[in-house]
Amino acid sequence: MTGATERVAAFVHATALQDLPEGVIPKAKKAIADTLAVMLAGATSEDAEPLLRYVEAIDAAGEEPLLGTGLAAVARRRFRRR
């Protein structure tokens, strides 16, 4: 069985714009714009700098870019409870 990412990618690849229900495109554009707006707001929040220092302190360097920072981190890190 394939994972969720593979299923979504297969759906997107197999679906043409004309196959989508009416009204989906404007809603998708709004969702994308909202996501970008939240990312920009978060990048300048007072919490951004301490979080970036935390990522560096726990040595979470990886291949996934942290947008707008020049840093990259692991996509998922498992932590052990103490």
PDB file of N, CA and C in Angstrom:
ATOM      1  N   MET A   1       0.843  -1.191   0.000  1.00  0.00           N
ATOM      2  CA  MET A   1       0.000   0.000   0.000  1.00  0.00           C
ATOM      3  C   MET A   1       0.883   1.248   0.000  1.00  0.00           C
ATOM      4  N   THR A   2       0.494   2.246  -0.754  1.00  0.00           N
ATOM      5  CA  THR A   2       1.273   3.470  -0.822  1.00  0.00           C
ATOM      6  C   THR A   2       0.882   4.400   0.317  1.00  0.00           C
ATOM      7  N   GLY A   3       1.783   5.335   0.617  1.00  0.00           N
ATOM      8  CA  GLY A   3       1.516   6.312   1.658  1.00  0.00           C
ATOM      9  C   GLY A   3       0.619   7.428   1.166  1.00  0.00           C
ATOM     10  N   ALA A   4       0.225   8.278   2.089  1.00  0.00           N
ATOM     11  CA  ALA A   4      -0.674   9.385   1.764  1.00  0.00           C
ATOM     12  C   ALA A   4      -0.063  10.324   0.737  1.00  0.00           C
ATOM     13  N   THR A   5       1.232  10.597   0.858  1.00  0.00           N
ATOM     14  CA  THR A   5       1.880  11.506  -0.086  1.00  0.00           C
ATOM     15  C   THR A   5       1.814  10.961  -1.504  1.00  0.00           C
ATOM     16  N   GLU A   6       2.078   9.671  -1.646  1.00  0.00           N
ATOM     17  CA  GLU A   6       2.027   9.055  -2.976  1.00  0.00           C
ATOM     18  C   GLU A   6       0.612   9.081  -3.541  1.00  0.00           C
ATOM     19  N   ARG A   7      -0.389   8.851  -2.698  1.00  0.00           N
ATOM     20  CA  ARG A   7      -1.780   8.877  -3.172  1.00  0.00           C
ATOM     21  C   ARG A   7      -2.189  10.280  -3.610  1.00  0.00           C
ATOM     22  N   VAL A   8      -1.797  11.284  -2.830  1.00  0.00           N
ATOM     23  CA  VAL A   8      -2.124  12.669  -3.201  1.00  0.00           C
ATOM     24  C   VAL A   8      -1.413  13.043  -4.494  1.00  0.00           C
ATOM     25  N   ALA A   9      -0.134  12.690  -4.615  1.00  0.00           N
ATOM     26  CA  ALA A   9       0.618  12.997  -5.834  1.00  0.00           C
ATOM     27  C   ALA A   9      -0.006  12.323  -7.053  1.00  0.00           C
ATOM     28  N   ALA A  10      -0.430  11.081  -6.909  1.00  0.00           N
ATOM     29  CA  ALA A  10      -1.060  10.365  -8.022  1.00  0.00           C
ATOM     30  C   ALA A  10      -2.377  11.033  -8.419  1.00  0.00           C
ATOM     31  N   PHE A  11      -3.154  11.469  -7.424  1.00  0.00           N
ATOM     32  CA  PHE A  11      -4.414  12.153  -7.704  1.00  0.00           C
ATOM     33  C   PHE A  11      -4.163  13.458  -8.450  1.00  0.00           C
ATOM     34  N   VAL A  12      -3.216  14.242  -7.962  1.00  0.00           N
ATOM     35  CA  VAL A  12      -2.908  15.528  -8.597  1.00  0.00           C
ATOM     36  C   VAL A  12      -2.428  15.314 -10.031  1.00  0.00           C
ATOM     37  N   HIS A  13      -1.576  14.325 -10.212  1.00  0.00           N
ATOM     38  CA  HIS A  13      -1.034  14.045 -11.544  1.00  0.00           C
ATOM     39  C   HIS A  13      -2.141  13.614 -12.520  1.00  0.00           C
ATOM     40  N   ALA A  14      -3.124  12.875 -12.040  1.00  0.00           N
ATOM     41  CA  ALA A  14      -4.165  12.328 -12.908  1.00  0.00           C
ATOM     42  C   ALA A  14      -5.349  13.273 -13.103  1.00  0.00           C
ATOM     43  N   THR A  15      -5.390  14.390 -12.388  1.00  0.00           N
ATOM     44  CA  THR A  15      -6.551  15.281 -12.427  1.00  0.00           C
ATOM     45  C   THR A  15      -6.254  16.518 -13.268  1.00  0.00           C
ATOM     46  N   ALA A  16      -7.147  16.792 -14.211  1.00  0.00           N
ATOM     47  CA  ALA A  16      -7.035  17.997 -15.042  1.00  0.00           C
ATOM     48  C   ALA A  16      -7.862  19.107 -14.407  1.00  0.00           C
ATOM     49  N   LEU A  17      -7.515  20.354 -14.698  1.00  0.00           N
ATOM     50  CA  LEU A  17      -8.261  21.486 -14.134  1.00  0.00           C
ATOM     51  C   LEU A  17      -9.752  21.394 -14.428  1.00  0.00           C
ATOM     52  N   GLN A  18     -10.104  20.952 -15.629  1.00  0.00           N
ATOM     53  CA  GLN A  18     -11.530  20.872 -15.983  1.00  0.00           C
ATOM     54  C   GLN A  18     -12.259  19.776 -15.194  1.00  0.00           C
ATOM     55  N   ASP A  19     -11.529  18.867 -14.547  1.00  0.00           N
ATOM     56  CA  ASP A  19     -12.139  17.820 -13.730  1.00  0.00           C
ATOM     57  C   ASP A  19     -12.563  18.320 -12.346  1.00  0.00           C
ATOM     58  N   LEU A  20     -12.049  19.482 -11.955  1.00  0.00           N
ATOM     59  CA  LEU A  20     -12.332  19.992 -10.614  1.00  0.00           C
ATOM     60  C   LEU A  20     -13.712  20.637 -10.550  1.00  0.00           C
ATOM     61  N   PRO A  21     -14.386  20.507  -9.417  1.00  0.00           N
ATOM     62  CA  PRO A  21     -15.696  21.152  -9.260  1.00  0.00           C
ATOM     63  C   PRO A  21     -15.568  22.674  -9.326  1.00  0.00           C
ATOM     64  N   GLU A  22     -16.638  23.307  -9.730  1.00  0.00           N
ATOM     65  CA  GLU A  22     -16.659  24.762  -9.822  1.00  0.00           C
ATOM     66  C   GLU A  22     -16.387  25.376  -8.449  1.00  0.00           C
ATOM     67  N   GLY A  23     -15.587  26.405  -8.420  1.00  0.00           N
ATOM     68  CA  GLY A  23     -15.295  27.107  -7.171  1.00  0.00           C
ATOM     69  C   GLY A  23     -14.058  26.610  -6.434  1.00  0.00           C
ATOM     70  N   VAL A  24     -13.480  25.509  -6.885  1.00  0.00           N
ATOM     71  CA  VAL A  24     -12.323  24.945  -6.184  1.00  0.00           C
ATOM     72  C   VAL A  24     -11.073  25.818  -6.378  1.00  0.00           C
ATOM     73  N   ILE A  25     -10.870  26.329  -7.569  1.00  0.00           N
ATOM     74  CA  ILE A  25      -9.663  27.102  -7.855  1.00  0.00           C
ATOM     75  C   ILE A  25      -9.586  28.361  -6.981  1.00  0.00           C
ATOM     76  N   PRO A  26     -10.652  29.168  -6.880  1.00  0.00           N
ATOM     77  CA  PRO A  26     -10.560  30.349  -6.004  1.00  0.00           C
ATOM     78  C   PRO A  26     -10.300  29.966  -4.536  1.00  0.00           C
ATOM     79  N   LYS A  27     -10.888  28.876  -4.084  1.00  0.00           N
ATOM     80  CA  LYS A  27     -10.659  28.444  -2.698  1.00  0.00           C
ATOM     81  C   LYS A  27      -9.216  27.988  -2.505  1.00  0.00           C
ATOM     82  N   ALA A  28      -8.666  27.296  -3.492  1.00  0.00           N
ATOM     83  CA  ALA A  28      -7.271  26.852  -3.409  1.00  0.00           C
ATOM     84  C   ALA A  28      -6.333  28.060  -3.398  1.00  0.00           C
ATOM     85  N   LYS A  29      -6.610  29.050  -4.234  1.00  0.00           N
ATOM     86  CA  LYS A  29      -5.782  30.255  -4.263  1.00  0.00           C
ATOM     87  C   LYS A  29      -5.819  30.964  -2.914  1.00  0.00           C
ATOM     88  N   LYS A  30      -6.995  31.039  -2.299  1.00  0.00           N
ATOM     89  CA  LYS A  30      -7.115  31.676  -0.980  1.00  0.00           C
ATOM     90  C   LYS A  30      -6.343  30.892   0.065  1.00  0.00           C
ATOM     91  N   ALA A  31      -6.427  29.567   0.026  1.00  0.00           N
ATOM     92  CA  ALA A  31      -5.703  28.741   0.994  1.00  0.00           C
ATOM     93  C   ALA A  31      -4.191  28.922   0.848  1.00  0.00           C
ATOM     94  N   ILE A  32      -3.719  28.991  -0.381  1.00  0.00           N
ATOM     95  CA  ILE A  32      -2.282  29.191  -0.615  1.00  0.00           C
ATOM     96  C   ILE A  32      -1.848  30.571  -0.130  1.00  0.00           C
ATOM     97  N   ALA A  33      -2.643  31.600  -0.443  1.00  0.00           N
ATOM     98  CA  ALA A  33      -2.313  32.953   0.010  1.00  0.00           C
ATOM     99  C   ALA A  33      -2.321  33.029   1.536  1.00  0.00           C
ATOM    100  N   ASP A  34      -3.300  32.394   2.182  1.00  0.00           N
ATOM    101  CA  ASP A  34      -3.360  32.373   3.647  1.00  0.00           C
ATOM    102  C   ASP A  34      -2.129  31.692   4.235  1.00  0.00           C
ATOM    103  N   THR A  35      -1.721  30.583   3.629  1.00  0.00           N
ATOM    104  CA  THR A  35      -0.540  29.854   4.110  1.00  0.00           C
ATOM    105  C   THR A  35       0.700  30.726   4.026  1.00  0.00           C
ATOM    106  N   LEU A  36       0.891  31.387   2.887  1.00  0.00           N
ATOM    107  CA  LEU A  36       2.051  32.265   2.725  1.00  0.00           C
ATOM    108  C   LEU A  36       2.012  33.434   3.710  1.00  0.00           C
ATOM    109  N   ALA A  37       0.825  33.991   3.946  1.00  0.00           N
ATOM    110  CA  ALA A  37       0.695  35.100   4.889  1.00  0.00           C
ATOM    111  C   ALA A  37       1.061  34.670   6.306  1.00  0.00           C
ATOM    112  N   VAL A  38       0.625  33.490   6.709  1.00  0.00           N
ATOM    113  CA  VAL A  38       0.950  32.985   8.043  1.00  0.00           C
ATOM    114  C   VAL A  38       2.449  32.717   8.159  1.00  0.00           C
ATOM    115  N   MET A  39       3.051  32.197   7.099  1.00  0.00           N
ATOM    116  CA  MET A  39       4.496  31.941   7.111  1.00  0.00           C
ATOM    117  C   MET A  39       5.269  33.250   7.271  1.00  0.00           C
ATOM    118  N   LEU A  40       4.853  34.277   6.552  1.00  0.00           N
ATOM    119  CA  LEU A  40       5.527  35.569   6.658  1.00  0.00           C
ATOM    120  C   LEU A  40       5.352  36.177   8.041  1.00  0.00           C
ATOM    121  N   ALA A  41       4.140  36.103   8.572  1.00  0.00           N
ATOM    122  CA  ALA A  41       3.889  36.638   9.908  1.00  0.00           C
ATOM    123  C   ALA A  41       4.702  35.889  10.954  1.00  0.00           C
ATOM    124  N   GLY A  42       4.779  34.579  10.820  1.00  0.00           N
ATOM    125  CA  GLY A  42       5.538  33.780  11.777  1.00  0.00           C
ATOM    126  C   GLY A  42       7.020  34.060  11.718  1.00  0.00           C
ATOM    127  N   ALA A  43       7.525  34.358  10.541  1.00  0.00           N
ATOM    128  CA  ALA A  43       8.961  34.610  10.378  1.00  0.00           C
ATOM    129  C   ALA A  43       9.406  35.849  11.132  1.00  0.00           C
ATOM    130  N   THR A  44       8.497  36.791  11.348  1.00  0.00           N
ATOM    131  CA  THR A  44       8.854  38.025  12.046  1.00  0.00           C
ATOM    132  C   THR A  44       8.306  38.073  13.459  1.00  0.00           C
ATOM    133  N   SER A  45       7.733  36.981  13.939  1.00  0.00           N
ATOM    134  CA  SER A  45       7.190  36.976  15.296  1.00  0.00           C
ATOM    135  C   SER A  45       8.311  36.923  16.322  1.00  0.00           C
ATOM    136  N   GLU A  46       7.995  37.265  17.546  1.00  0.00           N
ATOM    137  CA  GLU A  46       9.007  37.239  18.612  1.00  0.00           C
ATOM    138  C   GLU A  46       9.459  35.820  18.941  1.00  0.00           C
ATOM    139  N   ASP A  47       8.696  34.823  18.515  1.00  0.00           N
ATOM    140  CA  ASP A  47       9.040  33.420  18.782  1.00  0.00           C
ATOM    141  C   ASP A  47       9.988  32.830  17.748  1.00  0.00           C
ATOM    142  N   ALA A  48      10.138  33.475  16.607  1.00  0.00           N
ATOM    143  CA  ALA A  48      10.928  32.894  15.516  1.00  0.00           C
ATOM    144  C   ALA A  48      12.398  32.712  15.891  1.00  0.00           C
ATOM    145  N   GLU A  49      13.020  33.719  16.443  1.00  0.00           N
ATOM    146  CA  GLU A  49      14.452  33.640  16.757  1.00  0.00           C
ATOM    147  C   GLU A  49      14.762  32.564  17.800  1.00  0.00           C
ATOM    148  N   PRO A  50      14.017  32.490  18.920  1.00  0.00           N
ATOM    149  CA  PRO A  50      14.302  31.407  19.880  1.00  0.00           C
ATOM    150  C   PRO A  50      14.083  30.015  19.282  1.00  0.00           C
ATOM    151  N   LEU A  51      13.109  29.866  18.416  1.00  0.00           N
ATOM    152  CA  LEU A  51      12.877  28.570  17.784  1.00  0.00           C
ATOM    153  C   LEU A  51      14.025  28.193  16.863  1.00  0.00           C
ATOM    154  N   LEU A  52      14.533  29.152  16.111  1.00  0.00           N
ATOM    155  CA  LEU A  52      15.672  28.874  15.238  1.00  0.00           C
ATOM    156  C   LEU A  52      16.914  28.521  16.058  1.00  0.00           C
ATOM    157  N   ARG A  53      17.112  29.215  17.178  1.00  0.00           N
ATOM    158  CA  ARG A  53      18.248  28.875  18.057  1.00  0.00           C
ATOM    159  C   ARG A  53      18.075  27.465  18.614  1.00  0.00           C
ATOM    160  N   TYR A  54      16.835  27.085  18.933  1.00  0.00           N
ATOM    161  CA  TYR A  54      16.565  25.741  19.441  1.00  0.00           C
ATOM    162  C   TYR A  54      16.905  24.690  18.387  1.00  0.00           C
ATOM    163  N   VAL A  55      16.488  24.917  17.156  1.00  0.00           N
ATOM    164  CA  VAL A  55      16.785  23.974  16.074  1.00  0.00           C
ATOM    165  C   VAL A  55      18.296  23.803  15.940  1.00  0.00           C
ATOM    166  N   GLU A  56      19.029  24.900  16.020  1.00  0.00           N
ATOM    167  CA  GLU A  56      20.489  24.814  15.944  1.00  0.00           C
ATOM    168  C   GLU A  56      21.073  24.104  17.168  1.00  0.00           C
ATOM    169  N   ALA A  57      20.514  24.363  18.352  1.00  0.00           N
ATOM    170  CA  ALA A  57      21.048  23.788  19.591  1.00  0.00           C
ATOM    171  C   ALA A  57      20.860  22.276  19.672  1.00  0.00           C
ATOM    172  N   ILE A  58      19.774  21.765  19.112  1.00  0.00           N
ATOM    173  CA  ILE A  58      19.543  20.317  19.188  1.00  0.00           C
ATOM    174  C   ILE A  58      20.172  19.592  18.009  1.00  0.00           C
ATOM    175  N   ASP A  59      20.922  20.331  17.223  1.00  0.00           N
ATOM    176  CA  ASP A  59      21.607  19.749  16.077  1.00  0.00           C
ATOM    177  C   ASP A  59      20.631  19.017  15.160  1.00  0.00           C
ATOM    178  N   ALA A  60      19.583  19.737  14.748  1.00  0.00           N
ATOM    179  CA  ALA A  60      18.562  19.161  13.875  1.00  0.00           C
ATOM    180  C   ALA A  60      18.844  19.452  12.411  1.00  0.00           C
ATOM    181  N   ALA A  61      20.091  19.730  12.085  1.00  0.00           N
ATOM    182  CA  ALA A  61      20.444  20.033  10.696  1.00  0.00           C
ATOM    183  C   ALA A  61      20.027  18.886   9.785  1.00  0.00           C
ATOM    184  N   GLY A  62      19.477  19.230   8.653  1.00  0.00           N
ATOM    185  CA  GLY A  62      19.030  18.227   7.692  1.00  0.00           C
ATOM    186  C   GLY A  62      18.938  18.822   6.312  1.00  0.00           C
ATOM    187  N   GLU A  63      18.068  18.268   5.500  1.00  0.00           N
ATOM    188  CA  GLU A  63      17.953  18.697   4.105  1.00  0.00           C
ATOM    189  C   GLU A  63      16.718  19.542   3.817  1.00  0.00           C
ATOM    190  N   GLU A  64      15.799  19.659   4.776  1.00  0.00           N
ATOM    191  CA  GLU A  64      14.555  20.396   4.528  1.00  0.00           C
ATOM    192  C   GLU A  64      14.751  21.879   4.860  1.00  0.00           C
ATOM    193  N   PRO A  65      14.598  22.763   3.869  1.00  0.00           N
ATOM    194  CA  PRO A  65      14.852  24.183   4.116  1.00  0.00           C
ATOM    195  C   PRO A  65      13.821  24.800   5.058  1.00  0.00           C
ATOM    196  N   LEU A  66      14.301  25.655   5.938  1.00  0.00           N
ATOM    197  CA  LEU A  66      13.429  26.473   6.775  1.00  0.00           C
ATOM    198  C   LEU A  66      13.330  27.812   6.057  1.00  0.00           C
ATOM    199  N   LEU A  67      12.214  28.018   5.396  1.00  0.00           N
ATOM    200  CA  LEU A  67      12.066  29.146   4.476  1.00  0.00           C
ATOM    201  C   LEU A  67      12.484  30.468   5.085  1.00  0.00           C
ATOM    202  N   GLY A  68      13.280  31.201   4.332  1.00  0.00           N
ATOM    203  CA  GLY A  68      13.697  32.529   4.722  1.00  0.00           C
ATOM    204  C   GLY A  68      14.794  32.583   5.759  1.00  0.00           C
ATOM    205  N   THR A  69      15.395  31.443   6.103  1.00  0.00           N
ATOM    206  CA  THR A  69      16.396  31.442   7.165  1.00  0.00           C
ATOM    207  C   THR A  69      17.793  31.078   6.692  1.00  0.00           C
ATOM    208  N   GLY A  70      17.912  30.381   5.596  1.00  0.00           N
ATOM    209  CA  GLY A  70      19.199  29.863   5.172  1.00  0.00           C
ATOM    210  C   GLY A  70      19.572  28.582   5.905  1.00  0.00           C
ATOM    211  N   LEU A  71      18.683  28.101   6.783  1.00  0.00           N
ATOM    212  CA  LEU A  71      18.912  26.866   7.523  1.00  0.00           C
ATOM    213  C   LEU A  71      18.120  25.731   6.907  1.00  0.00           C
ATOM    214  N   ALA A  72      18.515  24.521   7.238  1.00  0.00           N
ATOM    215  CA  ALA A  72      17.768  23.334   6.836  1.00  0.00           C
ATOM    216  C   ALA A  72      17.721  22.400   8.033  1.00  0.00           C
ATOM    217  N   ALA A  73      16.635  21.660   8.177  1.00  0.00           N
ATOM    218  CA  ALA A  73      16.457  20.766   9.315  1.00  0.00           C
ATOM    219  C   ALA A  73      15.921  19.425   8.840  1.00  0.00           C
ATOM    220  N   VAL A  74      15.916  18.468   9.746  1.00  0.00           N
ATOM    221  CA  VAL A  74      15.320  17.176   9.425  1.00  0.00           C
ATOM    222  C   VAL A  74      13.811  17.355   9.385  1.00  0.00           C
ATOM    223  N   ALA A  75      13.146  16.591   8.531  1.00  0.00           N
ATOM    224  CA  ALA A  75      11.701  16.717   8.389  1.00  0.00           C
ATOM    225  C   ALA A  75      10.975  16.213   9.636  1.00  0.00           C
ATOM    226  N   ARG A  76      11.503  15.170  10.244  1.00  0.00           N
ATOM    227  CA  ARG A  76      10.863  14.643  11.450  1.00  0.00           C
ATOM    228  C   ARG A  76      11.970  14.123  12.359  1.00  0.00           C
ATOM    229  N   ARG A  77      11.857  14.481  13.585  1.00  0.00           N
ATOM    230  CA  ARG A  77      12.849  14.034  14.559  1.00  0.00           C
ATOM    231  C   ARG A  77      12.095  13.385  15.715  1.00  0.00           C
ATOM    232  N   ARG A  78      12.518  12.215  16.088  1.00  0.00           N
ATOM    233  CA  ARG A  78      11.885  11.518  17.203  1.00  0.00           C
ATOM    234  C   ARG A  78      12.648  11.834  18.477  1.00  0.00           C
ATOM    235  N   PHE A  79      11.913  12.223  19.474  1.00  0.00           N
ATOM    236  CA  PHE A  79      12.502  12.568  20.754  1.00  0.00           C
ATOM    237  C   PHE A  79      12.162  11.494  21.777  1.00  0.00           C
ATOM    238  N   ARG A  80      13.098  11.222  22.637  1.00  0.00           N
ATOM    239  CA  ARG A  80      12.867  10.273  23.722  1.00  0.00           C
ATOM    240  C   ARG A  80      12.477  11.031  24.967  1.00  0.00           C
ATOM    241  N   ARG A  81      11.517  10.486  25.688  1.00  0.00           N
ATOM    242  CA  ARG A  81      11.136  11.089  26.967  1.00  0.00           C
ATOM    243  C   ARG A  81      12.198  10.772  27.996  1.00  0.00           C
ATOM    244  N   ARG A  82      12.423  11.685  28.874  1.00  0.00           N
ATOM    245  CA  ARG A  82      13.408  11.481  29.939  1.00  0.00           C
ATOM    246  C   ARG A  82      12.730  11.001  31.185  1.00  0.00           C
TER     247      ARG A  82
END
